[in-house]
Amino acid sequence: NPSGEIIKALAEAFGENLCILKLPVEFKRAGELLEEAIMRLQP
């Protein structure tokens, strides 16, 4: 999936200055993981 490859490259380019999250293509789990990350990171 090109979006997965993009965030992998962004992680290498920006390092710790960027928070990266790879999501599953699953309606419920993707939403849950996104919410968990936003709650934790408060971006």
Full PDB file with SEQRES, HELIX, SHEET, SSBOND, CRYST1, ORIGX, SCALE, CONECT and MASTER records, all heavy atoms in Angstrom:
SEQRES   1 A   43  ASN PRO SER GLY GLU ILE ILE LYS ALA LEU ALA GLU ALA          
SEQRES   2 A   43  PHE GLY GLU ASN LEU CYS ILE LEU LYS LEU PRO VAL GLU          
SEQRES   3 A   43  PHE LYS ARG ALA GLY GLU LEU LEU GLU GLU ALA ILE MET          
SEQRES   4 A   43  ARG LEU GLN PRO                                              
HELIX    1 AA1 PRO A    2  PHE A   14  1                                  13    
HELIX    2 AA2 GLY A   15  ASN A   17  5                                   3    
HELIX    3 AA3 PHE A   27  LEU A   41  1                                  15    
CRYST1    1.000    1.000    1.000  90.00  90.00  90.00 P 1           1          
ORIGX1      1.000000  0.000000  0.000000        0.00000                         
ORIGX2      0.000000  1.000000  0.000000        0.00000                         
ORIGX3      0.000000  0.000000  1.000000        0.00000                         
SCALE1      1.000000  0.000000  0.000000        0.00000                         
SCALE2      0.000000  1.000000  0.000000        0.00000                         
SCALE3      0.000000  0.000000  1.000000        0.00000                         
ATOM      1  N   ASN A   1       0.869  -1.172   0.000  1.00  0.00           N  
ATOM      2  CA  ASN A   1       0.000   0.000   0.000  1.00  0.00           C  
ATOM      3  C   ASN A   1       0.906   1.221   0.000  1.00  0.00           C  
ATOM      4  O   ASN A   1       1.738   1.375   0.905  1.00  0.00           O  
ATOM      5  CB  ASN A   1      -0.891  -0.010   1.248  1.00  0.00           C  
ATOM      6  CG  ASN A   1      -1.940   1.092   1.248  1.00  0.00           C  
ATOM      7  OD1 ASN A   1      -1.697   2.203   0.802  1.00  0.00           O  
ATOM      8  ND2 ASN A   1      -3.109   0.784   1.775  1.00  0.00           N  
ATOM      9  N   PRO A   2       0.797   2.096  -0.996  1.00  0.00           N  
ATOM     10  CA  PRO A   2       1.700   3.242  -1.056  1.00  0.00           C  
ATOM     11  C   PRO A   2       1.638   4.131   0.183  1.00  0.00           C  
ATOM     12  O   PRO A   2       2.646   4.720   0.569  1.00  0.00           O  
ATOM     13  CB  PRO A   2       1.248   4.007  -2.305  1.00  0.00           C  
ATOM     14  CG  PRO A   2      -0.101   3.470  -2.639  1.00  0.00           C  
ATOM     15  CD  PRO A   2      -0.122   2.068  -2.141  1.00  0.00           C  
ATOM     16  N   SER A   3       0.471   4.208   0.823  1.00  0.00           N  
ATOM     17  CA  SER A   3       0.381   5.041   2.027  1.00  0.00           C  
ATOM     18  C   SER A   3       1.263   4.486   3.144  1.00  0.00           C  
ATOM     19  O   SER A   3       1.853   5.248   3.916  1.00  0.00           O  
ATOM     20  CB  SER A   3      -1.068   5.176   2.487  1.00  0.00           C  
ATOM     21  OG  SER A   3      -1.571   3.958   3.002  1.00  0.00           O  
ATOM     22  N   GLY A   4       1.357   3.173   3.234  1.00  0.00           N  
ATOM     23  CA  GLY A   4       2.240   2.556   4.214  1.00  0.00           C  
ATOM     24  C   GLY A   4       3.705   2.823   3.910  1.00  0.00           C  
ATOM     25  O   GLY A   4       4.525   3.031   4.815  1.00  0.00           O  
ATOM     26  N   GLU A   5       4.040   2.816   2.615  1.00  0.00           N  
ATOM     27  CA  GLU A   5       5.413   3.109   2.206  1.00  0.00           C  
ATOM     28  C   GLU A   5       5.750   4.581   2.439  1.00  0.00           C  
ATOM     29  O   GLU A   5       6.883   4.922   2.794  1.00  0.00           O  
ATOM     30  CB  GLU A   5       5.598   2.752   0.725  1.00  0.00           C  
ATOM     31  CG  GLU A   5       5.383   1.282   0.405  1.00  0.00           C  
ATOM     32  CD  GLU A   5       6.273   0.379   1.239  1.00  0.00           C  
ATOM     33  OE1 GLU A   5       7.510   0.553   1.198  1.00  0.00           O  
ATOM     34  OE2 GLU A   5       5.737  -0.490   1.950  1.00  0.00           O  
ATOM     35  N   ILE A   6       4.774   5.446   2.251  1.00  0.00           N  
ATOM     36  CA  ILE A   6       4.985   6.883   2.462  1.00  0.00           C  
ATOM     37  C   ILE A   6       5.318   7.166   3.923  1.00  0.00           C  
ATOM     38  O   ILE A   6       6.270   7.887   4.223  1.00  0.00           O  
ATOM     39  CB  ILE A   6       3.745   7.680   2.019  1.00  0.00           C  
ATOM     40  CG1 ILE A   6       3.646   7.690   0.494  1.00  0.00           C  
ATOM     41  CG2 ILE A   6       3.789   9.118   2.564  1.00  0.00           C  
ATOM     42  CD1 ILE A   6       2.317   8.196  -0.042  1.00  0.00           C  
ATOM     43  N   ILE A   7       4.539   6.598   4.843  1.00  0.00           N  
ATOM     44  CA  ILE A   7       4.814   6.910   6.251  1.00  0.00           C  
ATOM     45  C   ILE A   7       6.131   6.292   6.718  1.00  0.00           C  
ATOM     46  O   ILE A   7       6.793   6.832   7.595  1.00  0.00           O  
ATOM     47  CB  ILE A   7       3.641   6.509   7.176  1.00  0.00           C  
ATOM     48  CG1 ILE A   7       3.392   4.996   7.162  1.00  0.00           C  
ATOM     49  CG2 ILE A   7       2.380   7.285   6.805  1.00  0.00           C  
ATOM     50  CD1 ILE A   7       2.437   4.546   8.267  1.00  0.00           C  
ATOM     51  N   LYS A   8       6.516   5.186   6.100  1.00  0.00           N  
ATOM     52  CA  LYS A   8       7.823   4.596   6.417  1.00  0.00           C  
ATOM     53  C   LYS A   8       8.949   5.556   6.010  1.00  0.00           C  
ATOM     54  O   LYS A   8       9.905   5.780   6.765  1.00  0.00           O  
ATOM     55  CB  LYS A   8       7.986   3.273   5.679  1.00  0.00           C  
ATOM     56  CG  LYS A   8       9.228   2.486   6.058  1.00  0.00           C  
ATOM     57  CD  LYS A   8       9.457   1.306   5.128  1.00  0.00           C  
ATOM     58  CE  LYS A   8       8.269   0.361   5.098  1.00  0.00           C  
ATOM     59  NZ  LYS A   8       8.519  -0.803   4.194  1.00  0.00           N  
ATOM     60  N   ALA A   9       8.812   6.149   4.836  1.00  0.00           N  
ATOM     61  CA  ALA A   9       9.807   7.110   4.359  1.00  0.00           C  
ATOM     62  C   ALA A   9       9.789   8.387   5.197  1.00  0.00           C  
ATOM     63  O   ALA A   9      10.842   8.978   5.481  1.00  0.00           O  
ATOM     64  CB  ALA A   9       9.545   7.447   2.892  1.00  0.00           C  
ATOM     65  N   LEU A  10       8.603   8.817   5.616  1.00  0.00           N  
ATOM     66  CA  LEU A  10       8.502  10.013   6.451  1.00  0.00           C  
ATOM     67  C   LEU A  10       9.182   9.794   7.802  1.00  0.00           C  
ATOM     68  O   LEU A  10       9.823  10.704   8.342  1.00  0.00           O  
ATOM     69  CB  LEU A  10       7.040  10.396   6.661  1.00  0.00           C  
ATOM     70  CG  LEU A  10       6.282  10.927   5.443  1.00  0.00           C  
ATOM     71  CD1 LEU A  10       4.813  11.148   5.777  1.00  0.00           C  
ATOM     72  CD2 LEU A  10       6.913  12.220   4.930  1.00  0.00           C  
ATOM     73  N   ALA A  11       9.041   8.596   8.346  1.00  0.00           N  
ATOM     74  CA  ALA A  11       9.690   8.272   9.619  1.00  0.00           C  
ATOM     75  C   ALA A  11      11.206   8.395   9.492  1.00  0.00           C  
ATOM     76  O   ALA A  11      11.884   8.899  10.399  1.00  0.00           O  
ATOM     77  CB  ALA A  11       9.306   6.872  10.065  1.00  0.00           C  
ATOM     78  N   GLU A  12      11.745   7.958   8.362  1.00  0.00           N  
ATOM     79  CA  GLU A  12      13.187   8.046   8.129  1.00  0.00           C  
ATOM     80  C   GLU A  12      13.623   9.492   7.923  1.00  0.00           C  
ATOM     81  O   GLU A  12      14.694   9.903   8.385  1.00  0.00           O  
ATOM     82  CB  GLU A  12      13.565   7.195   6.924  1.00  0.00           C  
ATOM     83  CG  GLU A  12      13.360   5.693   7.138  1.00  0.00           C  
ATOM     84  CD  GLU A  12      13.633   4.886   5.885  1.00  0.00           C  
ATOM     85  OE1 GLU A  12      13.967   5.499   4.848  1.00  0.00           O  
ATOM     86  OE2 GLU A  12      13.510   3.642   5.939  1.00  0.00           O  
ATOM     87  N   ALA A  13      12.788  10.276   7.238  1.00  0.00           N  
ATOM     88  CA  ALA A  13      13.152  11.655   6.904  1.00  0.00           C  
ATOM     89  C   ALA A  13      13.046  12.600   8.097  1.00  0.00           C  
ATOM     90  O   ALA A  13      13.883  13.490   8.271  1.00  0.00           O  
ATOM     91  CB  ALA A  13      12.265  12.155   5.765  1.00  0.00           C  
ATOM     92  N   PHE A  14      12.033  12.400   8.930  1.00  0.00           N  
ATOM     93  CA  PHE A  14      11.774  13.348  10.017  1.00  0.00           C  
ATOM     94  C   PHE A  14      12.137  12.815  11.398  1.00  0.00           C  
ATOM     95  O   PHE A  14      12.191  13.579  12.356  1.00  0.00           O  
ATOM     96  CB  PHE A  14      10.299  13.763  10.004  1.00  0.00           C  
ATOM     97  CG  PHE A  14       9.921  14.602   8.827  1.00  0.00           C  
ATOM     98  CD1 PHE A  14       9.419  14.019   7.667  1.00  0.00           C  
ATOM     99  CD2 PHE A  14      10.066  15.976   8.858  1.00  0.00           C  
ATOM    100  CE1 PHE A  14       9.061  14.785   6.576  1.00  0.00           C  
ATOM    101  CE2 PHE A  14       9.711  16.764   7.777  1.00  0.00           C  
ATOM    102  CZ  PHE A  14       9.218  16.168   6.631  1.00  0.00           C  
ATOM    103  N   GLY A  15      12.349  11.521  11.518  1.00  0.00           N  
ATOM    104  CA  GLY A  15      12.733  10.935  12.793  1.00  0.00           C  
ATOM    105  C   GLY A  15      11.721  11.183  13.892  1.00  0.00           C  
ATOM    106  O   GLY A  15      10.506  11.074  13.680  1.00  0.00           O  
ATOM    107  N   GLU A  16      12.214  11.569  15.057  1.00  0.00           N  
ATOM    108  CA  GLU A  16      11.364  11.761  16.228  1.00  0.00           C  
ATOM    109  C   GLU A  16      10.499  13.005  16.142  1.00  0.00           C  
ATOM    110  O   GLU A  16       9.644  13.227  17.003  1.00  0.00           O  
ATOM    111  CB  GLU A  16      12.230  11.810  17.496  1.00  0.00           C  
ATOM    112  CG  GLU A  16      12.947  10.500  17.789  1.00  0.00           C  
ATOM    113  CD  GLU A  16      13.771  10.570  19.057  1.00  0.00           C  
ATOM    114  OE1 GLU A  16      13.809  11.663  19.664  1.00  0.00           O  
ATOM    115  OE2 GLU A  16      14.369   9.543  19.423  1.00  0.00           O  
ATOM    116  N   ASN A  17      10.709  13.833  15.130  1.00  0.00           N  
ATOM    117  CA  ASN A  17       9.896  15.040  14.971  1.00  0.00           C  
ATOM    118  C   ASN A  17       8.501  14.734  14.441  1.00  0.00           C  
ATOM    119  O   ASN A  17       7.662  15.627  14.351  1.00  0.00           O  
ATOM    120  CB  ASN A  17      10.590  16.026  14.027  1.00  0.00           C  
ATOM    121  CG  ASN A  17      11.890  16.548  14.614  1.00  0.00           C  
ATOM    122  OD1 ASN A  17      11.959  16.834  15.805  1.00  0.00           O  
ATOM    123  ND2 ASN A  17      12.917  16.656  13.791  1.00  0.00           N  
ATOM    124  N   LEU A  18       8.274  13.478  14.067  1.00  0.00           N  
ATOM    125  CA  LEU A  18       6.995  13.077  13.501  1.00  0.00           C  
ATOM    126  C   LEU A  18       6.511  11.813  14.200  1.00  0.00           C  
ATOM    127  O   LEU A  18       7.304  10.931  14.519  1.00  0.00           O  
ATOM    128  CB  LEU A  18       7.166  12.795  11.999  1.00  0.00           C  
ATOM    129  CG  LEU A  18       5.978  13.046  11.070  1.00  0.00           C  
ATOM    130  CD1 LEU A  18       5.538  14.489  11.108  1.00  0.00           C  
ATOM    131  CD2 LEU A  18       6.357  12.649   9.648  1.00  0.00           C  
ATOM    132  N   CYS A  19       5.207  11.729  14.467  1.00  0.00           N  
ATOM    133  CA  CYS A  19       4.620  10.518  15.049  1.00  0.00           C  
ATOM    134  C   CYS A  19       3.968   9.719  13.924  1.00  0.00           C  
ATOM    135  O   CYS A  19       3.142  10.263  13.174  1.00  0.00           O  
ATOM    136  CB  CYS A  19       3.576  10.887  16.091  1.00  0.00           C  
ATOM    137  SG  CYS A  19       4.200  11.943  17.407  1.00  0.00           S  
ATOM    138  N   ILE A  20       4.339   8.470  13.777  1.00  0.00           N  
ATOM    139  CA  ILE A  20       3.892   7.633  12.664  1.00  0.00           C  
ATOM    140  C   ILE A  20       3.036   6.488  13.184  1.00  0.00           C  
ATOM    141  O   ILE A  20       3.373   5.849  14.180  1.00  0.00           O  
ATOM    142  CB  ILE A  20       5.097   7.062  11.896  1.00  0.00           C  
ATOM    143  CG1 ILE A  20       5.978   8.191  11.336  1.00  0.00           C  
ATOM    144  CG2 ILE A  20       4.638   6.122  10.779  1.00  0.00           C  
ATOM    145  CD1 ILE A  20       5.311   9.056  10.301  1.00  0.00           C  
ATOM    146  N   LEU A  21       1.938   6.219  12.481  1.00  0.00           N  
ATOM    147  CA  LEU A  21       1.055   5.122  12.855  1.00  0.00           C  
ATOM    148  C   LEU A  21       0.560   4.404  11.607  1.00  0.00           C  
ATOM    149  O   LEU A  21      -0.060   5.015  10.739  1.00  0.00           O  
ATOM    150  CB  LEU A  21      -0.147   5.650  13.650  1.00  0.00           C  
ATOM    151  CG  LEU A  21      -1.220   4.631  14.045  1.00  0.00           C  
ATOM    152  CD1 LEU A  21      -0.643   3.591  15.012  1.00  0.00           C  
ATOM    153  CD2 LEU A  21      -2.423   5.338  14.655  1.00  0.00           C  
ATOM    154  N   LYS A  22       0.850   3.103  11.521  1.00  0.00           N  
ATOM    155  CA  LYS A  22       0.350   2.286  10.419  1.00  0.00           C  
ATOM    156  C   LYS A  22      -0.933   1.596  10.876  1.00  0.00           C  
ATOM    157  O   LYS A  22      -0.933   0.864  11.860  1.00  0.00           O  
ATOM    158  CB  LYS A  22       1.391   1.248   9.989  1.00  0.00           C  
ATOM    159  CG  LYS A  22       1.019   0.507   8.711  1.00  0.00           C  
ATOM    160  CD  LYS A  22       2.169  -0.378   8.262  1.00  0.00           C  
ATOM    161  CE  LYS A  22       1.884  -1.052   6.928  1.00  0.00           C  
ATOM    162  NZ  LYS A  22       3.024  -1.879   6.482  1.00  0.00           N  
ATOM    163  N   LEU A  23      -1.994   1.827  10.142  1.00  0.00           N  
ATOM    164  CA  LEU A  23      -3.306   1.317  10.522  1.00  0.00           C  
ATOM    165  C   LEU A  23      -3.684   0.071   9.733  1.00  0.00           C  
ATOM    166  O   LEU A  23      -3.337  -0.043   8.551  1.00  0.00           O  
ATOM    167  CB  LEU A  23      -4.369   2.392  10.282  1.00  0.00           C  
ATOM    168  CG  LEU A  23      -4.271   3.661  11.132  1.00  0.00           C  
ATOM    169  CD1 LEU A  23      -5.235   4.714  10.612  1.00  0.00           C  
ATOM    170  CD2 LEU A  23      -4.538   3.345  12.593  1.00  0.00           C  
ATOM    171  N   PRO A  24      -4.422  -0.836  10.346  1.00  0.00           N  
ATOM    172  CA  PRO A  24      -4.967  -1.970   9.598  1.00  0.00           C  
ATOM    173  C   PRO A  24      -6.144  -1.511   8.744  1.00  0.00           C  
ATOM    174  O   PRO A  24      -6.815  -0.532   9.083  1.00  0.00           O  
ATOM    175  CB  PRO A  24      -5.427  -2.918  10.706  1.00  0.00           C  
ATOM    176  CG  PRO A  24      -5.793  -2.009  11.839  1.00  0.00           C  
ATOM    177  CD  PRO A  24      -4.817  -0.867  11.771  1.00  0.00           C  
ATOM    178  N   VAL A  25      -6.385  -2.204   7.651  1.00  0.00           N  
ATOM    179  CA  VAL A  25      -7.571  -1.894   6.832  1.00  0.00           C  
ATOM    180  C   VAL A  25      -8.743  -2.669   7.432  1.00  0.00           C  
ATOM    181  O   VAL A  25      -9.215  -3.672   6.900  1.00  0.00           O  
ATOM    182  CB  VAL A  25      -7.331  -2.226   5.348  1.00  0.00           C  
ATOM    183  CG1 VAL A  25      -8.567  -1.880   4.515  1.00  0.00           C  
ATOM    184  CG2 VAL A  25      -6.122  -1.450   4.825  1.00  0.00           C  
ATOM    185  N   GLU A  26      -9.152  -2.198   8.586  1.00  0.00           N  
ATOM    186  CA  GLU A  26     -10.259  -2.760   9.347  1.00  0.00           C  
ATOM    187  C   GLU A  26     -11.046  -1.592   9.928  1.00  0.00           C  
ATOM    188  O   GLU A  26     -10.475  -0.765  10.644  1.00  0.00           O  
ATOM    189  CB  GLU A  26      -9.759  -3.653  10.485  1.00  0.00           C  
ATOM    190  CG  GLU A  26      -8.869  -4.802  10.047  1.00  0.00           C  
ATOM    191  CD  GLU A  26      -8.261  -5.529  11.241  1.00  0.00           C  
ATOM    192  OE1 GLU A  26      -8.837  -5.411  12.355  1.00  0.00           O  
ATOM    193  OE2 GLU A  26      -7.230  -6.189  11.061  1.00  0.00           O  
ATOM    194  N   PHE A  27     -12.325  -1.522   9.615  1.00  0.00           N  
ATOM    195  CA  PHE A  27     -13.123  -0.387  10.058  1.00  0.00           C  
ATOM    196  C   PHE A  27     -12.989  -0.134  11.557  1.00  0.00           C  
ATOM    197  O   PHE A  27     -12.615   0.959  11.989  1.00  0.00           O  
ATOM    198  CB  PHE A  27     -14.603  -0.622   9.710  1.00  0.00           C  
ATOM    199  CG  PHE A  27     -14.931  -0.415   8.260  1.00  0.00           C  
ATOM    200  CD1 PHE A  27     -14.895  -1.482   7.378  1.00  0.00           C  
ATOM    201  CD2 PHE A  27     -15.268   0.833   7.782  1.00  0.00           C  
ATOM    202  CE1 PHE A  27     -15.197  -1.301   6.039  1.00  0.00           C  
ATOM    203  CE2 PHE A  27     -15.573   1.032   6.447  1.00  0.00           C  
ATOM    204  CZ  PHE A  27     -15.533  -0.043   5.571  1.00  0.00           C  
ATOM    205  N   LYS A  28     -13.311  -1.115  12.358  1.00  0.00           N  
ATOM    206  CA  LYS A  28     -13.373  -0.913  13.808  1.00  0.00           C  
ATOM    207  C   LYS A  28     -11.988  -0.719  14.414  1.00  0.00           C  
ATOM    208  O   LYS A  28     -11.767   0.204  15.211  1.00  0.00           O  
ATOM    209  CB  LYS A  28     -14.091  -2.093  14.462  1.00  0.00           C  
ATOM    210  CG  LYS A  28     -15.559  -2.200  14.052  1.00  0.00           C  
ATOM    211  CD  LYS A  28     -16.240  -3.404  14.688  1.00  0.00           C  
ATOM    212  CE  LYS A  28     -17.702  -3.489  14.260  1.00  0.00           C  
ATOM    213  NZ  LYS A  28     -18.393  -4.668  14.838  1.00  0.00           N  
ATOM    214  N   ARG A  29     -11.047  -1.579  14.063  1.00  0.00           N  
ATOM    215  CA  ARG A  29      -9.718  -1.521  14.672  1.00  0.00           C  
ATOM    216  C   ARG A  29      -8.966  -0.256  14.268  1.00  0.00           C  
ATOM    217  O   ARG A  29      -8.259   0.339  15.091  1.00  0.00           O  
ATOM    218  CB  ARG A  29      -8.914  -2.764  14.282  1.00  0.00           C  
ATOM    219  CG  ARG A  29      -7.607  -2.903  15.047  1.00  0.00           C  
ATOM    220  CD  ARG A  29      -7.851  -3.172  16.503  1.00  0.00           C  
ATOM    221  NE  ARG A  29      -6.586  -3.335  17.230  1.00  0.00           N  
ATOM    222  CZ  ARG A  29      -6.367  -2.834  18.433  1.00  0.00           C  
ATOM    223  NH1 ARG A  29      -7.297  -2.160  19.045  1.00  0.00           N  
ATOM    224  NH2 ARG A  29      -5.211  -3.032  19.031  1.00  0.00           N  
ATOM    225  N   ALA A  30      -9.106   0.167  13.012  1.00  0.00           N  
ATOM    226  CA  ALA A  30      -8.426   1.388  12.568  1.00  0.00           C  
ATOM    227  C   ALA A  30      -8.903   2.580  13.380  1.00  0.00           C  
ATOM    228  O   ALA A  30      -8.105   3.411  13.835  1.00  0.00           O  
ATOM    229  CB  ALA A  30      -8.672   1.625  11.080  1.00  0.00           C  
ATOM    230  N   GLY A  31     -10.212   2.666  13.579  1.00  0.00           N  
ATOM    231  CA  GLY A  31     -10.749   3.761  14.370  1.00  0.00           C  
ATOM    232  C   GLY A  31     -10.287   3.717  15.812  1.00  0.00           C  
ATOM    233  O   GLY A  31      -9.962   4.748  16.417  1.00  0.00           O  
ATOM    234  N   GLU A  32     -10.232   2.524  16.379  1.00  0.00           N  
ATOM    235  CA  GLU A  32      -9.789   2.366  17.768  1.00  0.00           C  
ATOM    236  C   GLU A  32      -8.323   2.757  17.936  1.00  0.00           C  
ATOM    237  O   GLU A  32      -7.966   3.468  18.879  1.00  0.00           O  
ATOM    238  CB  GLU A  32      -9.991   0.923  18.214  1.00  0.00           C  
ATOM    239  CG  GLU A  32     -11.444   0.516  18.376  1.00  0.00           C  
ATOM    240  CD  GLU A  32     -11.620  -0.977  18.577  1.00  0.00           C  
ATOM    241  OE1 GLU A  32     -10.619  -1.726  18.496  1.00  0.00           O  
ATOM    242  OE2 GLU A  32     -12.770  -1.394  18.802  1.00  0.00           O  
ATOM    243  N   LEU A  33      -7.481   2.290  17.029  1.00  0.00           N  
ATOM    244  CA  LEU A  33      -6.054   2.599  17.115  1.00  0.00           C  
ATOM    245  C   LEU A  33      -5.788   4.077  16.904  1.00  0.00           C  
ATOM    246  O   LEU A  33      -4.910   4.665  17.555  1.00  0.00           O  
ATOM    247  CB  LEU A  33      -5.270   1.768  16.097  1.00  0.00           C  
ATOM    248  CG  LEU A  33      -5.176   0.270  16.393  1.00  0.00           C  
ATOM    249  CD1 LEU A  33      -4.522  -0.464  15.237  1.00  0.00           C  
ATOM    250  CD2 LEU A  33      -4.397   0.020  17.690  1.00  0.00           C  
ATOM    251  N   LEU A  34      -6.533   4.688  15.987  1.00  0.00           N  
ATOM    252  CA  LEU A  34      -6.386   6.123  15.762  1.00  0.00           C  
ATOM    253  C   LEU A  34      -6.760   6.891  17.024  1.00  0.00           C  
ATOM    254  O   LEU A  34      -6.036   7.803  17.450  1.00  0.00           O  
ATOM    255  CB  LEU A  34      -7.260   6.564  14.591  1.00  0.00           C  
ATOM    256  CG  LEU A  34      -7.209   8.062  14.288  1.00  0.00           C  
ATOM    257  CD1 LEU A  34      -5.863   8.433  13.693  1.00  0.00           C  
ATOM    258  CD2 LEU A  34      -8.342   8.466  13.346  1.00  0.00           C  
ATOM    259  N   GLU A  35      -7.875   6.535  17.624  1.00  0.00           N  
ATOM    260  CA  GLU A  35      -8.310   7.224  18.848  1.00  0.00           C  
ATOM    261  C   GLU A  35      -7.295   7.045  19.969  1.00  0.00           C  
ATOM    262  O   GLU A  35      -6.973   8.003  20.687  1.00  0.00           O  
ATOM    263  CB  GLU A  35      -9.673   6.713  19.290  1.00  0.00           C  
ATOM    264  CG  GLU A  35     -10.203   7.427  20.526  1.00  0.00           C  
ATOM    265  CD  GLU A  35     -11.632   7.071  20.871  1.00  0.00           C  
ATOM    266  OE1 GLU A  35     -12.256   6.287  20.110  1.00  0.00           O  
ATOM    267  OE2 GLU A  35     -12.140   7.585  21.883  1.00  0.00           O  
ATOM    268  N   GLU A  36      -6.772   5.836  20.125  1.00  0.00           N  
ATOM    269  CA  GLU A  36      -5.765   5.585  21.155  1.00  0.00           C  
ATOM    270  C   GLU A  36      -4.538   6.463  20.947  1.00  0.00           C  
ATOM    271  O   GLU A  36      -3.992   7.026  21.901  1.00  0.00           O  
ATOM    272  CB  GLU A  36      -5.358   4.113  21.134  1.00  0.00           C  
ATOM    273  CG  GLU A  36      -6.418   3.156  21.668  1.00  0.00           C  
ATOM    274  CD  GLU A  36      -6.057   1.703  21.424  1.00  0.00           C  
ATOM    275  OE1 GLU A  36      -4.918   1.440  20.952  1.00  0.00           O  
ATOM    276  OE2 GLU A  36      -6.891   0.823  21.707  1.00  0.00           O  
ATOM    277  N   ALA A  37      -4.097   6.589  19.692  1.00  0.00           N  
ATOM    278  CA  ALA A  37      -2.906   7.389  19.389  1.00  0.00           C  
ATOM    279  C   ALA A  37      -3.154   8.870  19.657  1.00  0.00           C  
ATOM    280  O   ALA A  37      -2.296   9.566  20.224  1.00  0.00           O  
ATOM    281  CB  ALA A  37      -2.489   7.174  17.937  1.00  0.00           C  
ATOM    282  N   ILE A  38      -4.310   9.359  19.264  1.00  0.00           N  
ATOM    283  CA  ILE A  38      -4.625  10.768  19.493  1.00  0.00           C  
ATOM    284  C   ILE A  38      -4.753  11.062  20.983  1.00  0.00           C  
ATOM    285  O   ILE A  38      -4.266  12.087  21.477  1.00  0.00           O  
ATOM    286  CB  ILE A  38      -5.905  11.161  18.721  1.00  0.00           C  
ATOM    287  CG1 ILE A  38      -5.627  11.160  17.201  1.00  0.00           C  
ATOM    288  CG2 ILE A  38      -6.412  12.539  19.166  1.00  0.00           C  
ATOM    289  CD1 ILE A  38      -6.847  11.377  16.342  1.00  0.00           C  
ATOM    290  N   MET A  39      -5.373  10.150  21.712  1.00  0.00           N  
ATOM    291  CA  MET A  39      -5.502  10.323  23.162  1.00  0.00           C  
ATOM    292  C   MET A  39      -4.121  10.361  23.820  1.00  0.00           C  
ATOM    293  O   MET A  39      -3.870  11.169  24.723  1.00  0.00           O  
ATOM    294  CB  MET A  39      -6.321   9.178  23.750  1.00  0.00           C  
ATOM    295  CG  MET A  39      -7.780   9.165  23.340  1.00  0.00           C  
ATOM    296  SD  MET A  39      -8.741  10.434  24.170  1.00  0.00           S  
ATOM    297  CE  MET A  39      -8.746   9.818  25.842  1.00  0.00           C  
ATOM    298  N   ARG A  40      -3.232   9.498  23.366  1.00  0.00           N  
ATOM    299  CA  ARG A  40      -1.905   9.391  23.971  1.00  0.00           C  
ATOM    300  C   ARG A  40      -1.004  10.561  23.578  1.00  0.00           C  
ATOM    301  O   ARG A  40      -0.309  11.144  24.424  1.00  0.00           O  
ATOM    302  CB  ARG A  40      -1.247   8.072  23.560  1.00  0.00           C  
ATOM    303  CG  ARG A  40       0.125   7.827  24.192  1.00  0.00           C  
ATOM    304  CD  ARG A  40       0.708   6.499  23.779  1.00  0.00           C  
ATOM    305  NE  ARG A  40       1.170   6.484  22.402  1.00  0.00           N  
ATOM    306  CZ  ARG A  40       0.529   5.904  21.381  1.00  0.00           C  
ATOM    307  NH1 ARG A  40      -0.620   5.288  21.587  1.00  0.00           N  
ATOM    308  NH2 ARG A  40       1.024   5.925  20.158  1.00  0.00           N  
ATOM    309  N   LEU A  41      -1.014  10.920  22.296  1.00  0.00           N  
ATOM    310  CA  LEU A  41      -0.071  11.904  21.773  1.00  0.00           C  
ATOM    311  C   LEU A  41      -0.594  13.335  21.835  1.00  0.00           C  
ATOM    312  O   LEU A  41       0.175  14.280  21.908  1.00  0.00           O  
ATOM    313  CB  LEU A  41       0.277  11.551  20.324  1.00  0.00           C  
ATOM    314  CG  LEU A  41       0.952  10.201  20.105  1.00  0.00           C  
ATOM    315  CD1 LEU A  41       0.959   9.850  18.628  1.00  0.00           C  
ATOM    316  CD2 LEU A  41       2.370  10.212  20.663  1.00  0.00           C  
ATOM    317  N   GLN A  42      -1.915  13.491  21.742  1.00  0.00           N  
ATOM    318  CA  GLN A  42      -2.553  14.805  21.680  1.00  0.00           C  
ATOM    319  C   GLN A  42      -1.851  15.706  20.656  1.00  0.00           C  
ATOM    320  O   GLN A  42      -1.331  16.777  20.999  1.00  0.00           O  
ATOM    321  CB  GLN A  42      -2.585  15.446  23.058  1.00  0.00           C  
ATOM    322  CG  GLN A  42      -3.381  14.630  24.063  1.00  0.00           C  
ATOM    323  CD  GLN A  42      -3.636  15.345  25.376  1.00  0.00           C  
ATOM    324  OE1 GLN A  42      -3.641  16.563  25.435  1.00  0.00           O  
ATOM    325  NE2 GLN A  42      -3.860  14.584  26.429  1.00  0.00           N  
ATOM    326  N   PRO A  43      -1.839  15.274  19.394  1.00  0.00           N  
ATOM    327  CA  PRO A  43      -1.127  16.029  18.355  1.00  0.00           C  
ATOM    328  C   PRO A  43      -1.815  17.344  18.005  1.00  0.00           C  
ATOM    329  O   PRO A  43      -3.023  17.504  18.217  1.00  0.00           O  
ATOM    330  CB  PRO A  43      -1.150  15.066  17.160  1.00  0.00           C  
ATOM    331  CG  PRO A  43      -2.401  14.268  17.368  1.00  0.00           C  
ATOM    332  CD  PRO A  43      -2.513  14.080  18.849  1.00  0.00           C  
TER     333      PRO A  43                                                      
MASTER        0    0    0    3    0    0    0    6  332    1    0    4          
END                                                                             
